[in-house]
């Protein structure tokens, strides 16, 4: 079991313990490299929020469409994330 920043308990399904500030690569949707900025519990599982080094074009377009800033962190779960 791990905890998010608010102390909420959740299961992490990755092969490393995520720490804020770690450099990672998000495999899901080929999002790419970035830095973990938060951990949160989603439906009992720990997810990491990652500020990406470079947003893919499709993600930039979606963020603009949703009126969100380009630096909005991506959310990913254990199997989708690897350490750099």
C-alpha atoms as a PDB file:
ATOM      1  CA  UNK A   1       0.000   0.000   0.000  1.00  0.00           C
ATOM      2  CA  UNK A   2       1.078   3.543  -0.751  1.00  0.00           C
ATOM      3  CA  UNK A   3      -0.413   6.879   0.188  1.00  0.00           C
ATOM      4  CA  UNK A   4      -1.134   9.982  -1.822  1.00  0.00           C
ATOM      5  CA  UNK A   5      -0.135  13.429  -0.600  1.00  0.00           C
ATOM      6  CA  UNK A   6      -3.352  13.732   1.470  1.00  0.00           C
ATOM      7  CA  UNK A   7      -2.601  10.427   3.269  1.00  0.00           C
ATOM      8  CA  UNK A   8      -5.240   8.430   1.381  1.00  0.00           C
ATOM      9  CA  UNK A   9      -4.319   4.754   0.945  1.00  0.00           C
ATOM     10  CA  UNK A  10      -4.255   3.005  -2.430  1.00  0.00           C
ATOM     11  CA  UNK A  11      -2.658   0.169  -4.394  1.00  0.00           C
ATOM     12  CA  UNK A  12       0.249   0.919  -6.725  1.00  0.00           C
ATOM     13  CA  UNK A  13       0.522  -1.623  -9.559  1.00  0.00           C
ATOM     14  CA  UNK A  14       3.867  -0.522 -11.003  1.00  0.00           C
ATOM     15  CA  UNK A  15       7.285  -2.109 -10.493  1.00  0.00           C
ATOM     16  CA  UNK A  16       8.811   0.877  -8.630  1.00  0.00           C
ATOM     17  CA  UNK A  17       7.620   3.166  -5.847  1.00  0.00           C
ATOM     18  CA  UNK A  18       6.633   6.513  -7.385  1.00  0.00           C
ATOM     19  CA  UNK A  19       8.163   9.565  -5.732  1.00  0.00           C
ATOM     20  CA  UNK A  20       7.396  13.188  -6.518  1.00  0.00           C
ATOM     21  CA  UNK A  21      10.222  14.584  -8.637  1.00  0.00           C
ATOM     22  CA  UNK A  22      11.112  11.251 -10.305  1.00  0.00           C
ATOM     23  CA  UNK A  23      11.675  11.234 -14.055  1.00  0.00           C
ATOM     24  CA  UNK A  24       9.444   8.737 -15.857  1.00  0.00           C
ATOM     25  CA  UNK A  25       8.242   7.694 -19.290  1.00  0.00           C
ATOM     26  CA  UNK A  26       4.496   7.227 -19.854  1.00  0.00           C
ATOM     27  CA  UNK A  27       4.012   4.411 -22.354  1.00  0.00           C
ATOM     28  CA  UNK A  28       0.214   4.811 -22.500  1.00  0.00           C
ATOM     29  CA  UNK A  29      -0.790   6.735 -25.650  1.00  0.00           C
ATOM     30  CA  UNK A  30       2.932   7.408 -26.235  1.00  0.00           C
ATOM     31  CA  UNK A  31       2.747  10.429 -23.919  1.00  0.00           C
ATOM     32  CA  UNK A  32       6.491  10.311 -23.337  1.00  0.00           C
ATOM     33  CA  UNK A  33       8.877  11.616 -20.693  1.00  0.00           C
ATOM     34  CA  UNK A  34       8.092  13.841 -17.764  1.00  0.00           C
ATOM     35  CA  UNK A  35       8.319  14.440 -14.026  1.00  0.00           C
ATOM     36  CA  UNK A  36       5.999  13.104 -11.313  1.00  0.00           C
ATOM     37  CA  UNK A  37       4.327  16.067  -9.598  1.00  0.00           C
ATOM     38  CA  UNK A  38       1.646  14.283  -7.531  1.00  0.00           C
ATOM     39  CA  UNK A  39       0.195  10.947  -6.492  1.00  0.00           C
ATOM     40  CA  UNK A  40      -3.551  10.504  -6.165  1.00  0.00           C
ATOM     41  CA  UNK A  41      -5.960   7.690  -5.360  1.00  0.00           C
ATOM     42  CA  UNK A  42      -8.436   6.816  -8.111  1.00  0.00           C
ATOM     43  CA  UNK A  43     -10.911   4.000  -7.386  1.00  0.00           C
ATOM     44  CA  UNK A  44      -8.548   2.472  -4.817  1.00  0.00           C
ATOM     45  CA  UNK A  45      -5.431   2.650  -6.995  1.00  0.00           C
ATOM     46  CA  UNK A  46      -2.529   5.081  -6.861  1.00  0.00           C
ATOM     47  CA  UNK A  47      -2.068   7.109 -10.026  1.00  0.00           C
ATOM     48  CA  UNK A  48       0.694   9.581 -10.749  1.00  0.00           C
ATOM     49  CA  UNK A  49       0.288  13.037 -12.229  1.00  0.00           C
ATOM     50  CA  UNK A  50       3.152  13.780 -14.591  1.00  0.00           C
ATOM     51  CA  UNK A  51       4.127  17.096 -16.143  1.00  0.00           C
ATOM     52  CA  UNK A  52       5.276  16.097 -19.616  1.00  0.00           C
ATOM     53  CA  UNK A  53       8.441  17.437 -21.224  1.00  0.00           C
ATOM     54  CA  UNK A  54       6.595  17.781 -24.521  1.00  0.00           C
ATOM     55  CA  UNK A  55       2.892  17.212 -25.137  1.00  0.00           C
ATOM     56  CA  UNK A  56       1.981  15.224 -28.256  1.00  0.00           C
ATOM     57  CA  UNK A  57       0.086  17.349 -30.803  1.00  0.00           C
ATOM     58  CA  UNK A  58      -3.193  15.502 -30.193  1.00  0.00           C
ATOM     59  CA  UNK A  59      -2.952  16.209 -26.436  1.00  0.00           C
ATOM     60  CA  UNK A  60      -2.180  19.906 -27.004  1.00  0.00           C
ATOM     61  CA  UNK A  61      -5.279  20.155 -29.189  1.00  0.00           C
ATOM     62  CA  UNK A  62      -7.435  18.429 -26.543  1.00  0.00           C
ATOM     63  CA  UNK A  63      -6.150  20.698 -23.783  1.00  0.00           C
ATOM     64  CA  UNK A  64      -6.930  23.787 -25.890  1.00  0.00           C
ATOM     65  CA  UNK A  65     -10.395  22.417 -26.678  1.00  0.00           C
ATOM     66  CA  UNK A  66     -11.007  21.867 -22.943  1.00  0.00           C
ATOM     67  CA  UNK A  67      -9.626  25.329 -22.122  1.00  0.00           C
ATOM     68  CA  UNK A  68      -6.868  23.817 -19.948  1.00  0.00           C
ATOM     69  CA  UNK A  69      -3.263  25.037 -19.743  1.00  0.00           C
ATOM     70  CA  UNK A  70      -0.634  23.190 -21.774  1.00  0.00           C
ATOM     71  CA  UNK A  71       1.233  22.246 -18.591  1.00  0.00           C
ATOM     72  CA  UNK A  72      -1.765  20.301 -17.180  1.00  0.00           C
ATOM     73  CA  UNK A  73      -0.318  17.040 -15.793  1.00  0.00           C
ATOM     74  CA  UNK A  74      -1.114  13.702 -17.420  1.00  0.00           C
ATOM     75  CA  UNK A  75      -2.587  10.956 -15.200  1.00  0.00           C
ATOM     76  CA  UNK A  76      -1.148   7.440 -15.415  1.00  0.00           C
ATOM     77  CA  UNK A  77      -1.254   4.166 -13.481  1.00  0.00           C
ATOM     78  CA  UNK A  78       1.540   1.723 -12.599  1.00  0.00           C
ATOM     79  CA  UNK A  79       1.794  -0.490 -15.716  1.00  0.00           C
ATOM     80  CA  UNK A  80       1.739   2.608 -17.951  1.00  0.00           C
ATOM     81  CA  UNK A  81       4.810   4.198 -16.323  1.00  0.00           C
ATOM     82  CA  UNK A  82       8.514   3.299 -16.339  1.00  0.00           C
ATOM     83  CA  UNK A  83      11.495   4.986 -14.720  1.00  0.00           C
ATOM     84  CA  UNK A  84      13.951   6.777 -16.988  1.00  0.00           C
END
